[in-house]
């Protein structure tokens, strides 16, 4: 398992507790904003990185930027 740049383990060790069920409206008031405002900026950034890894995956072979430009040498005029 890969540790992220911020020292957090990759998504594999997390499990969903299916014994807790909550039903609510998707359009009603939510306490999510208060929850995230109670977190430090570092915790919010770690959560964002975690969600990005889940959505787009993590592949260490492609973690670097690809070279998109090459230097072309032309003969002198």
PDB file of N, CA and C in Angstrom:
ATOM      1  N   UNK A   1       0.829  -1.188   0.000  1.00  0.00           N
ATOM      2  CA  UNK A   1       0.000   0.000   0.000  1.00  0.00           C
ATOM      3  C   UNK A   1       0.870   1.246   0.000  1.00  0.00           C
ATOM      4  N   UNK A   2       0.416   2.235  -0.702  1.00  0.00           N
ATOM      5  CA  UNK A   2       1.153   3.474  -0.850  1.00  0.00           C
ATOM      6  C   UNK A   2       0.714   4.469   0.206  1.00  0.00           C
ATOM      7  N   UNK A   3       1.665   5.144   0.804  1.00  0.00           N
ATOM      8  CA  UNK A   3       1.350   6.265   1.677  1.00  0.00           C
ATOM      9  C   UNK A   3       1.301   7.504   0.814  1.00  0.00           C
ATOM     10  N   UNK A   4       0.308   8.323   1.016  1.00  0.00           N
ATOM     11  CA  UNK A   4       0.188   9.542   0.236  1.00  0.00           C
ATOM     12  C   UNK A   4       1.253  10.534   0.667  1.00  0.00           C
ATOM     13  N   UNK A   5       1.334  11.621  -0.034  1.00  0.00           N
ATOM     14  CA  UNK A   5       2.306  12.654   0.289  1.00  0.00           C
ATOM     15  C   UNK A   5       2.070  13.220   1.686  1.00  0.00           C
ATOM     16  N   UNK A   6       0.851  13.105   2.148  1.00  0.00           N
ATOM     17  CA  UNK A   6       0.509  13.694   3.438  1.00  0.00           C
ATOM     18  C   UNK A   6       0.568  12.669   4.572  1.00  0.00           C
ATOM     19  N   UNK A   7       1.100  11.473   4.295  1.00  0.00           N
ATOM     20  CA  UNK A   7       1.289  10.479   5.339  1.00  0.00           C
ATOM     21  C   UNK A   7       0.074   9.634   5.651  1.00  0.00           C
ATOM     22  N   UNK A   8      -0.906   9.611   4.776  1.00  0.00           N
ATOM     23  CA  UNK A   8      -2.116   8.829   4.999  1.00  0.00           C
ATOM     24  C   UNK A   8      -2.041   7.572   4.146  1.00  0.00           C
ATOM     25  N   UNK A   9      -2.571   6.480   4.644  1.00  0.00           N
ATOM     26  CA  UNK A   9      -2.560   5.225   3.895  1.00  0.00           C
ATOM     27  C   UNK A   9      -3.521   5.302   2.722  1.00  0.00           C
ATOM     28  N   UNK A  10      -3.307   4.456   1.751  1.00  0.00           N
ATOM     29  CA  UNK A  10      -4.166   4.414   0.567  1.00  0.00           C
ATOM     30  C   UNK A  10      -5.567   3.928   0.942  1.00  0.00           C
ATOM     31  N   UNK A  11      -6.535   4.021   0.024  1.00  0.00           N
ATOM     32  CA  UNK A  11      -7.937   3.740   0.344  1.00  0.00           C
ATOM     33  C   UNK A  11      -8.253   2.314   0.807  1.00  0.00           C
ATOM     34  N   UNK A  12      -7.404   1.335   0.561  1.00  0.00           N
ATOM     35  CA  UNK A  12      -7.724  -0.053   0.868  1.00  0.00           C
ATOM     36  C   UNK A  12      -8.097  -0.341   2.324  1.00  0.00           C
ATOM     37  N   UNK A  13      -7.430   0.256   3.326  1.00  0.00           N
ATOM     38  CA  UNK A  13      -7.747  -0.150   4.694  1.00  0.00           C
ATOM     39  C   UNK A  13      -9.087   0.366   5.218  1.00  0.00           C
ATOM     40  N   UNK A  14      -9.737   1.260   4.522  1.00  0.00           N
ATOM     41  CA  UNK A  14     -11.001   1.822   4.992  1.00  0.00           C
ATOM     42  C   UNK A  14     -12.152   0.890   4.655  1.00  0.00           C
ATOM     43  N   UNK A  15     -13.054   0.722   5.584  1.00  0.00           N
ATOM     44  CA  UNK A  15     -14.217  -0.134   5.391  1.00  0.00           C
ATOM     45  C   UNK A  15     -15.483   0.656   5.709  1.00  0.00           C
ATOM     46  N   UNK A  16     -16.586   0.294   5.076  1.00  0.00           N
ATOM     47  CA  UNK A  16     -17.872   0.941   5.309  1.00  0.00           C
ATOM     48  C   UNK A  16     -18.596   0.173   6.410  1.00  0.00           C
ATOM     49  N   UNK A  17     -19.080   0.886   7.414  1.00  0.00           N
ATOM     50  CA  UNK A  17     -19.864   0.280   8.483  1.00  0.00           C
ATOM     51  C   UNK A  17     -21.308   0.187   8.013  1.00  0.00           C
ATOM     52  N   UNK A  18     -21.717  -0.971   7.571  1.00  0.00           N
ATOM     53  CA  UNK A  18     -23.054  -1.153   7.004  1.00  0.00           C
ATOM     54  C   UNK A  18     -24.126  -1.357   8.081  1.00  0.00           C
ATOM     55  N   UNK A  19     -23.743  -1.355   9.351  1.00  0.00           N
ATOM     56  CA  UNK A  19     -24.736  -1.504  10.412  1.00  0.00           C
ATOM     57  C   UNK A  19     -25.447  -0.187  10.712  1.00  0.00           C
ATOM     58  N   UNK A  20     -24.924   0.897  10.184  1.00  0.00           N
ATOM     59  CA  UNK A  20     -25.527   2.214  10.399  1.00  0.00           C
ATOM     60  C   UNK A  20     -26.179   2.657   9.096  1.00  0.00           C
ATOM     61  N   UNK A  21     -27.456   2.930   9.145  1.00  0.00           N
ATOM     62  CA  UNK A  21     -28.179   3.365   7.955  1.00  0.00           C
ATOM     63  C   UNK A  21     -28.895   4.665   8.279  1.00  0.00           C
ATOM     64  N   UNK A  22     -28.763   5.625   7.388  1.00  0.00           N
ATOM     65  CA  UNK A  22     -29.435   6.900   7.562  1.00  0.00           C
ATOM     66  C   UNK A  22     -30.162   7.243   6.270  1.00  0.00           C
ATOM     67  N   UNK A  23     -31.411   7.608   6.379  1.00  0.00           N
ATOM     68  CA  UNK A  23     -32.199   7.964   5.215  1.00  0.00           C
ATOM     69  C   UNK A  23     -32.543   9.438   5.316  1.00  0.00           C
ATOM     70  N   UNK A  24     -32.338  10.153   4.238  1.00  0.00           N
ATOM     71  CA  UNK A  24     -32.624  11.567   4.250  1.00  0.00           C
ATOM     72  C   UNK A  24     -32.908  12.067   2.850  1.00  0.00           C
ATOM     73  N   UNK A  25     -33.269  13.306   2.754  1.00  0.00           N
ATOM     74  CA  UNK A  25     -33.561  13.920   1.474  1.00  0.00           C
ATOM     75  C   UNK A  25     -32.276  14.462   0.863  1.00  0.00           C
ATOM     76  N   UNK A  26     -32.138  14.320  -0.429  1.00  0.00           N
ATOM     77  CA  UNK A  26     -30.973  14.848  -1.121  1.00  0.00           C
ATOM     78  C   UNK A  26     -31.054  16.369  -1.235  1.00  0.00           C
ATOM     79  N   UNK A  27     -32.227  16.921  -1.040  1.00  0.00           N
ATOM     80  CA  UNK A  27     -32.421  18.354  -1.202  1.00  0.00           C
ATOM     81  C   UNK A  27     -32.576  19.098   0.112  1.00  0.00           C
ATOM     82  N   UNK A  28     -32.595  18.385   1.217  1.00  0.00           N
ATOM     83  CA  UNK A  28     -32.760  19.014   2.522  1.00  0.00           C
ATOM     84  C   UNK A  28     -31.454  19.593   3.037  1.00  0.00           C
ATOM     85  N   UNK A  29     -31.535  20.246   4.182  1.00  0.00           N
ATOM     86  CA  UNK A  29     -30.353  20.812   4.813  1.00  0.00           C
ATOM     87  C   UNK A  29     -29.418  19.688   5.238  1.00  0.00           C
ATOM     88  N   UNK A  30     -28.154  19.956   5.132  1.00  0.00           N
ATOM     89  CA  UNK A  30     -27.147  18.971   5.471  1.00  0.00           C
ATOM     90  C   UNK A  30     -26.179  19.577   6.473  1.00  0.00           C
ATOM     91  N   UNK A  31     -25.578  18.726   7.288  1.00  0.00           N
ATOM     92  CA  UNK A  31     -24.577  19.205   8.233  1.00  0.00           C
ATOM     93  C   UNK A  31     -23.165  19.043   7.670  1.00  0.00           C
ATOM     94  N   UNK A  32     -23.050  18.740   6.375  1.00  0.00           N
ATOM     95  CA  UNK A  32     -21.740  18.555   5.764  1.00  0.00           C
ATOM     96  C   UNK A  32     -20.890  19.822   5.819  1.00  0.00           C
ATOM     97  N   UNK A  33     -21.494  20.956   5.555  1.00  0.00           N
ATOM     98  CA  UNK A  33     -20.728  22.198   5.545  1.00  0.00           C
ATOM     99  C   UNK A  33     -20.128  22.451   6.925  1.00  0.00           C
ATOM    100  N   UNK A  34     -20.918  22.273   7.961  1.00  0.00           N
ATOM    101  CA  UNK A  34     -20.416  22.474   9.324  1.00  0.00           C
ATOM    102  C   UNK A  34     -19.314  21.471   9.637  1.00  0.00           C
ATOM    103  N   UNK A  35     -19.478  20.235   9.157  1.00  0.00           N
ATOM    104  CA  UNK A  35     -18.459  19.217   9.390  1.00  0.00           C
ATOM    105  C   UNK A  35     -17.134  19.628   8.764  1.00  0.00           C
ATOM    106  N   UNK A  36     -17.154  20.003   7.481  1.00  0.00           N
ATOM    107  CA  UNK A  36     -15.907  20.335   6.790  1.00  0.00           C
ATOM    108  C   UNK A  36     -15.293  21.634   7.308  1.00  0.00           C
ATOM    109  N   UNK A  37     -16.119  22.570   7.750  1.00  0.00           N
ATOM    110  CA  UNK A  37     -15.575  23.797   8.333  1.00  0.00           C
ATOM    111  C   UNK A  37     -14.926  23.535   9.689  1.00  0.00           C
ATOM    112  N   UNK A  38     -15.319  22.445  10.350  1.00  0.00           N
ATOM    113  CA  UNK A  38     -14.714  22.107  11.637  1.00  0.00           C
ATOM    114  C   UNK A  38     -13.366  21.413  11.468  1.00  0.00           C
ATOM    115  N   UNK A  39     -13.022  21.013  10.265  1.00  0.00           N
ATOM    116  CA  UNK A  39     -11.753  20.335   9.978  1.00  0.00           C
ATOM    117  C   UNK A  39     -10.665  21.345   9.638  1.00  0.00           C
ATOM    118  N   UNK A  40      -9.435  20.949   9.861  1.00  0.00           N
ATOM    119  CA  UNK A  40      -8.311  21.820   9.514  1.00  0.00           C
ATOM    120  C   UNK A  40      -8.122  21.813   7.998  1.00  0.00           C
ATOM    121  N   UNK A  41      -7.450  22.827   7.457  1.00  0.00           N
ATOM    122  CA  UNK A  41      -7.187  22.825   6.011  1.00  0.00           C
ATOM    123  C   UNK A  41      -6.417  21.579   5.562  1.00  0.00           C
ATOM    124  N   UNK A  42      -5.501  21.086   6.386  1.00  0.00           N
ATOM    125  CA  UNK A  42      -4.754  19.878   6.024  1.00  0.00           C
ATOM    126  C   UNK A  42      -5.679  18.663   5.935  1.00  0.00           C
ATOM    127  N   UNK A  43      -6.609  18.531   6.886  1.00  0.00           N
ATOM    128  CA  UNK A  43      -7.554  17.410   6.845  1.00  0.00           C
ATOM    129  C   UNK A  43      -8.455  17.496   5.615  1.00  0.00           C
ATOM    130  N   UNK A  44      -8.863  18.710   5.250  1.00  0.00           N
ATOM    131  CA  UNK A  44      -9.692  18.883   4.053  1.00  0.00           C
ATOM    132  C   UNK A  44      -8.915  18.513   2.798  1.00  0.00           C
ATOM    133  N   UNK A  45      -7.655  18.910   2.746  1.00  0.00           N
ATOM    134  CA  UNK A  45      -6.813  18.579   1.600  1.00  0.00           C
ATOM    135  C   UNK A  45      -6.579  17.073   1.503  1.00  0.00           C
ATOM    136  N   UNK A  46      -6.358  16.408   2.633  1.00  0.00           N
ATOM    137  CA  UNK A  46      -6.193  14.954   2.632  1.00  0.00           C
ATOM    138  C   UNK A  46      -7.465  14.260   2.137  1.00  0.00           C
ATOM    139  N   UNK A  47      -8.624  14.752   2.550  1.00  0.00           N
ATOM    140  CA  UNK A  47      -9.887  14.174   2.100  1.00  0.00           C
ATOM    141  C   UNK A  47     -10.070  14.378   0.598  1.00  0.00           C
ATOM    142  N   UNK A  48      -9.684  15.545   0.111  1.00  0.00           N
ATOM    143  CA  UNK A  48      -9.770  15.825  -1.321  1.00  0.00           C
ATOM    144  C   UNK A  48      -8.869  14.879  -2.111  1.00  0.00           C
ATOM    145  N   UNK A  49      -7.648  14.676  -1.642  1.00  0.00           N
ATOM    146  CA  UNK A  49      -6.718  13.768  -2.311  1.00  0.00           C
ATOM    147  C   UNK A  49      -7.248  12.341  -2.279  1.00  0.00           C
ATOM    148  N   UNK A  50      -7.832  11.945  -1.161  1.00  0.00           N
ATOM    149  CA  UNK A  50      -8.422  10.610  -1.028  1.00  0.00           C
ATOM    150  C   UNK A  50      -9.541  10.410  -2.054  1.00  0.00           C
ATOM    151  N   UNK A  51     -10.415  11.399  -2.201  1.00  0.00           N
ATOM    152  CA  UNK A  51     -11.513  11.291  -3.171  1.00  0.00           C
ATOM    153  C   UNK A  51     -10.986  11.287  -4.606  1.00  0.00           C
ATOM    154  N   UNK A  52      -9.915  12.046  -4.867  1.00  0.00           N
ATOM    155  CA  UNK A  52      -9.313  12.048  -6.195  1.00  0.00           C
ATOM    156  C   UNK A  52      -8.737  10.672  -6.523  1.00  0.00           C
ATOM    157  N   UNK A  53      -8.074  10.048  -5.540  1.00  0.00           N
ATOM    158  CA  UNK A  53      -7.518   8.720  -5.754  1.00  0.00           C
ATOM    159  C   UNK A  53      -8.623   7.698  -6.030  1.00  0.00           C
ATOM    160  N   UNK A  54      -9.736   7.820  -5.340  1.00  0.00           N
ATOM    161  CA  UNK A  54     -10.852   6.898  -5.563  1.00  0.00           C
ATOM    162  C   UNK A  54     -11.434   7.104  -6.953  1.00  0.00           C
ATOM    163  N   UNK A  55     -11.621   8.351  -7.348  1.00  0.00           N
ATOM    164  CA  UNK A  55     -12.250   8.652  -8.643  1.00  0.00           C
ATOM    165  C   UNK A  55     -11.347   8.327  -9.824  1.00  0.00           C
ATOM    166  N   UNK A  56     -10.065   8.661  -9.728  1.00  0.00           N
ATOM    167  CA  UNK A  56      -9.171   8.522 -10.878  1.00  0.00           C
ATOM    168  C   UNK A  56      -8.126   7.438 -10.706  1.00  0.00           C
ATOM    169  N   UNK A  57      -8.061   6.829  -9.545  1.00  0.00           N
ATOM    170  CA  UNK A  57      -7.089   5.771  -9.301  1.00  0.00           C
ATOM    171  C   UNK A  57      -5.700   6.323  -9.057  1.00  0.00           C
ATOM    172  N   UNK A  58      -4.823   5.418  -8.655  1.00  0.00           N
ATOM    173  CA  UNK A  58      -3.441   5.795  -8.415  1.00  0.00           C
ATOM    174  C   UNK A  58      -2.561   4.773  -9.089  1.00  0.00           C
ATOM    175  N   UNK A  59      -1.691   5.233  -9.956  1.00  0.00           N
ATOM    176  CA  UNK A  59      -0.741   4.364 -10.639  1.00  0.00           C
ATOM    177  C   UNK A  59       0.628   5.002 -10.503  1.00  0.00           C
ATOM    178  N   UNK A  60       1.529   4.402  -9.712  1.00  0.00           N
ATOM    179  CA  UNK A  60       2.822   5.047  -9.476  1.00  0.00           C
ATOM    180  C   UNK A  60       3.660   5.210 -10.743  1.00  0.00           C
ATOM    181  N   UNK A  61       3.391   4.425 -11.775  1.00  0.00           N
ATOM    182  CA  UNK A  61       4.179   4.564 -13.004  1.00  0.00           C
ATOM    183  C   UNK A  61       3.800   5.804 -13.790  1.00  0.00           C
ATOM    184  N   UNK A  62       2.613   6.351 -13.546  1.00  0.00           N
ATOM    185  CA  UNK A  62       2.190   7.549 -14.269  1.00  0.00           C
ATOM    186  C   UNK A  62       2.081   8.762 -13.353  1.00  0.00           C
ATOM    187  N   UNK A  63       2.703   8.685 -12.183  1.00  0.00           N
ATOM    188  CA  UNK A  63       2.564   9.787 -11.239  1.00  0.00           C
ATOM    189  C   UNK A  63       3.385  11.008 -11.624  1.00  0.00           C
ATOM    190  N   UNK A  64       4.277  10.868 -12.590  1.00  0.00           N
ATOM    191  CA  UNK A  64       5.072  12.011 -13.038  1.00  0.00           C
ATOM    192  C   UNK A  64       4.458  12.616 -14.286  1.00  0.00           C
ATOM    193  N   UNK A  65       4.837  13.838 -14.566  1.00  0.00           N
ATOM    194  CA  UNK A  65       4.361  14.498 -15.777  1.00  0.00           C
ATOM    195  C   UNK A  65       5.050  13.892 -16.986  1.00  0.00           C
ATOM    196  N   UNK A  66       4.293  13.738 -18.046  1.00  0.00           N
ATOM    197  CA  UNK A  66       4.867  13.208 -19.273  1.00  0.00           C
ATOM    198  C   UNK A  66       5.547  14.316 -20.048  1.00  0.00           C
ATOM    199  N   UNK A  67       6.593  13.945 -20.770  1.00  0.00           N
ATOM    200  CA  UNK A  67       7.255  14.916 -21.628  1.00  0.00           C
ATOM    201  C   UNK A  67       6.397  15.092 -22.872  1.00  0.00           C
ATOM    202  N   UNK A  68       6.051  16.319 -23.166  1.00  0.00           N
ATOM    203  CA  UNK A  68       5.204  16.579 -24.331  1.00  0.00           C
ATOM    204  C   UNK A  68       5.931  17.365 -25.412  1.00  0.00           C
ATOM    205  N   UNK A  69       7.093  17.908 -25.088  1.00  0.00           N
ATOM    206  CA  UNK A  69       7.850  18.677 -26.067  1.00  0.00           C
ATOM    207  C   UNK A  69       9.197  18.018 -26.302  1.00  0.00           C
ATOM    208  N   UNK A  70       9.675  18.127 -27.517  1.00  0.00           N
ATOM    209  CA  UNK A  70      11.002  17.641 -27.845  1.00  0.00           C
ATOM    210  C   UNK A  70      11.779  18.774 -28.493  1.00  0.00           C
ATOM    211  N   UNK A  71      13.081  18.734 -28.355  1.00  0.00           N
ATOM    212  CA  UNK A  71      13.926  19.749 -28.972  1.00  0.00           C
ATOM    213  C   UNK A  71      14.294  19.262 -30.367  1.00  0.00           C
ATOM    214  N   UNK A  72      13.994  20.077 -31.345  1.00  0.00           N
ATOM    215  CA  UNK A  72      14.329  19.742 -32.734  1.00  0.00           C
ATOM    216  C   UNK A  72      15.470  20.633 -33.177  1.00  0.00           C
ATOM    217  N   UNK A  73      16.509  20.017 -33.678  1.00  0.00           N
ATOM    218  CA  UNK A  73      17.667  20.777 -34.166  1.00  0.00           C
ATOM    219  C   UNK A  73      17.568  20.904 -35.682  1.00  0.00           C
ATOM    220  N   UNK A  74      17.657  22.116 -36.156  1.00  0.00           N
ATOM    221  CA  UNK A  74      17.606  22.386 -37.601  1.00  0.00           C
ATOM    222  C   UNK A  74      19.002  22.771 -38.076  1.00  0.00           C
ATOM    223  N   UNK A  75      19.311  22.456 -39.315  1.00  0.00           N
ATOM    224  CA  UNK A  75      20.632  22.859 -39.834  1.00  0.00           C
ATOM    225  C   UNK A  75      20.702  24.374 -39.947  1.00  0.00           C
ATOM    226  N   UNK A  76      21.895  24.950 -39.753  1.00  0.00           N
ATOM    227  CA  UNK A  76      22.019  26.410 -39.863  1.00  0.00           C
ATOM    228  C   UNK A  76      21.698  26.901 -41.273  1.00  0.00           C
ATOM    229  N   UNK A  77      21.184  28.087 -41.385  1.00  0.00           N
ATOM    230  CA  UNK A  77      20.813  28.641 -42.690  1.00  0.00           C
ATOM    231  C   UNK A  77      21.994  29.229 -43.385  1.00  0.00           C
TER     232      UNK A  77
END
